[in-house]
Amino acid sequence: MLWSDPRDEPPEEMRKAQAMMRRAMLIVALGAALVMLVATWRS
């Protein structure tokens, strides 16, 4: 790779979208764990 080549980075919009998706997946995972805990306590 030449020094004049552009860096292989995703654009700013893509990075923001990836960060948002990461946060959304974390919230979904925590919510699923919470639902499982509540379901086991109720039975």
C-alpha atoms as a PDB file:
ATOM      1  CA  MET A   1       0.000   0.000   0.000  1.00  0.00           C
ATOM      2  CA  LEU A   2       1.357   3.373  -0.962  1.00  0.00           C
ATOM      3  CA  TRP A   3       1.617   6.204   1.514  1.00  0.00           C
ATOM      4  CA  SER A   4      -0.640   8.282  -0.733  1.00  0.00           C
ATOM      5  CA  ASP A   5      -3.478   5.710  -0.681  1.00  0.00           C
ATOM      6  CA  PRO A   6      -6.505   6.703   1.392  1.00  0.00           C
ATOM      7  CA  ARG A   7      -6.779   5.011   4.763  1.00  0.00           C
ATOM      8  CA  ASP A   8      -9.044   1.979   4.891  1.00  0.00           C
ATOM      9  CA  GLU A   9     -11.564   3.465   7.335  1.00  0.00           C
ATOM     10  CA  PRO A  10     -15.334   3.395   7.074  1.00  0.00           C
ATOM     11  CA  PRO A  11     -16.966   6.807   6.627  1.00  0.00           C
ATOM     12  CA  GLU A  12     -18.234   8.730   9.660  1.00  0.00           C
ATOM     13  CA  GLU A  13     -21.886   7.812   8.956  1.00  0.00           C
ATOM     14  CA  MET A  14     -21.014   4.115   8.866  1.00  0.00           C
ATOM     15  CA  ARG A  15     -19.144   4.322  12.169  1.00  0.00           C
ATOM     16  CA  LYS A  16     -22.081   6.084  13.820  1.00  0.00           C
ATOM     17  CA  ALA A  17     -24.506   3.466  12.482  1.00  0.00           C
ATOM     18  CA  GLN A  18     -22.275   0.638  13.723  1.00  0.00           C
ATOM     19  CA  ALA A  19     -22.080   2.206  17.198  1.00  0.00           C
ATOM     20  CA  MET A  20     -25.856   2.608  17.284  1.00  0.00           C
ATOM     21  CA  MET A  21     -26.372  -1.025  16.240  1.00  0.00           C
ATOM     22  CA  ARG A  22     -23.921  -2.177  18.912  1.00  0.00           C
ATOM     23  CA  ARG A  23     -25.877  -0.269  21.570  1.00  0.00           C
ATOM     24  CA  ALA A  24     -29.190  -1.614  20.286  1.00  0.00           C
ATOM     25  CA  MET A  25     -27.916  -5.207  20.373  1.00  0.00           C
ATOM     26  CA  LEU A  26     -26.646  -4.707  23.941  1.00  0.00           C
ATOM     27  CA  ILE A  27     -30.059  -3.408  25.035  1.00  0.00           C
ATOM     28  CA  VAL A  28     -31.824  -6.321  23.317  1.00  0.00           C
ATOM     29  CA  ALA A  29     -29.476  -8.846  24.973  1.00  0.00           C
ATOM     30  CA  LEU A  30     -29.962  -7.303  28.428  1.00  0.00           C
ATOM     31  CA  GLY A  31     -33.727  -7.192  27.897  1.00  0.00           C
ATOM     32  CA  ALA A  32     -33.808 -10.862  26.891  1.00  0.00           C
ATOM     33  CA  ALA A  33     -31.817 -11.818  30.010  1.00  0.00           C
ATOM     34  CA  LEU A  34     -34.201  -9.783  32.167  1.00  0.00           C
ATOM     35  CA  VAL A  35     -37.239 -11.467  30.587  1.00  0.00           C
ATOM     36  CA  MET A  36     -35.716 -14.907  31.240  1.00  0.00           C
ATOM     37  CA  LEU A  37     -35.027 -14.030  34.878  1.00  0.00           C
ATOM     38  CA  VAL A  38     -38.577 -12.753  35.415  1.00  0.00           C
ATOM     39  CA  ALA A  39     -40.007 -15.839  33.698  1.00  0.00           C
ATOM     40  CA  THR A  40     -38.047 -18.191  35.977  1.00  0.00           C
ATOM     41  CA  TRP A  41     -39.066 -16.291  39.117  1.00  0.00           C
ATOM     42  CA  ARG A  42     -42.755 -16.430  38.221  1.00  0.00           C
ATOM     43  CA  SER A  43     -42.872 -20.196  37.648  1.00  0.00           C
END
